[in-house]
Amino acid sequence: MATATESKKAVDSDAEEVIAKTGPMEEMLAAAPARPQIDDVVEGPVVAIGRARVFVDLAPFGTGIIYGREYLSARDALKNTNIGDIVTAKVVGSDNDEGYIELSLREARQALIWGEAETALQKKTVFTLPISDANKGGLIINWNGIQGFLPASQLAPLHYPRVPDGDKDKIFVELKKLIGTPLELLIITASPKEQKLIFSEKGAGTSERSNLVEKYHVGDVFDGVVTGATDFGVFVKIEDGLEGLVHISEMDWALVENPKTRYKVGDKLKVKVIEIKDDKISLSIKALMEDPWKAAAAKYKKDQKVEAVVIKYNKHGALASIEEGVAGLVHISEFASEADLRQKLELGKVYPFTITFFEPKDRRMTLKPAA
């Protein structure tokens, strides 16, 4: 029969064994990922698609669901979603009545954008952004779908409205003149809770930017990322703190009507430096493509009959393309009126023409309807 001392030793030994076994388990639990909480951004594969609802695997915590108004607000993004696709969403509810974790794509997108804004604030990233509107206090800017504000007091001296008497109405008139103008700006406030995004033009053109620009030369070719698309071209990030502009005329040898439909933020592309002036870098995409006029020089000549597709009207007449990137002017003087031209030359249709002027070196050509 065991003595009291022996019994105590046995109990102590058992306790030590339990502690020894429990320790690693506690460590495993501590190292395990935390269960998603409301406002957390999560991602996972789509595992099922139902009527007006999408299910996302959030293992080991369960299944997320996008439904109701969250589905409706994101239905354009979800219409091309397939089972297996990875989606990023924000937790807006934990364990609803059916046991699912409620998710929002719209709010996740907002959270990611605000995260980018906070990073840009910390890194002092310089953006070139067009002014979309103005009020008496400053200028309105749209950045990645978020409306930002540039106070008049944060404008650089070059753009600050100089009104002798400080009349707010006169200042407003001057501010409105900047609508559509691209400015180099820094984010100085990014507050998602207050939905406040404040920009400043002061300090955006610093010596630091000059040092970055000095590293580049005309003719350099590199990979960039689109940071913004406007009516006049796209802005491409070269490195943190430095962007260049690809003007609409440098996007393709063929006619580009709307850069926004061709490129979107985040697109990666190869560009070539074609000009560096005043710490601004001009880039080109078409400079990396074969010039179609070189091949056309060997195929076409004056007085030759060709077929061409009408691609655009302008104040001088119509542009017609004989090959991708090789277009000539059909002058309005060849017709009784502008209405007559548009009736006889419909956009997108092919017609017979005669080349009346052809200078491939200058990329110039005129056409007239064939008799």
Foldseek 3Di string as FASTA:
>chain_A
DDDPVRVVVVVVVVVVVVCVVVVVVVVVVVPDDDDDDAFDKDKAFFADDDDQKTWGDPPPRGIAMEHDVLSVVCVVVCVPHDGGDMAIWGFHAQQDPVGHGYTHRVVRLVVVVLVVLVVQQVLQAKDWFAFAAADLQATWTAFSNAIATEGLVQEDPVQRDDDPVPDSVSSRVSRRVRHGPIAIWGWNDRDPVVSYTYIHRPPLLPVVLVVVLVVDDAFDKDKWFWRDFDQQFTWTDPDGRDIATAGLVQEALAHDRGRPVVDDGGDMDMWGFHDADSSHTYIHRHVPPDQVLVVVVVVDDAFDKAKWAWAAADPQATWTHRDGSQIAAAGPVLAPGNVRRCVVHPHGDMAMWGWHDDDSVVSYTHIYGDD
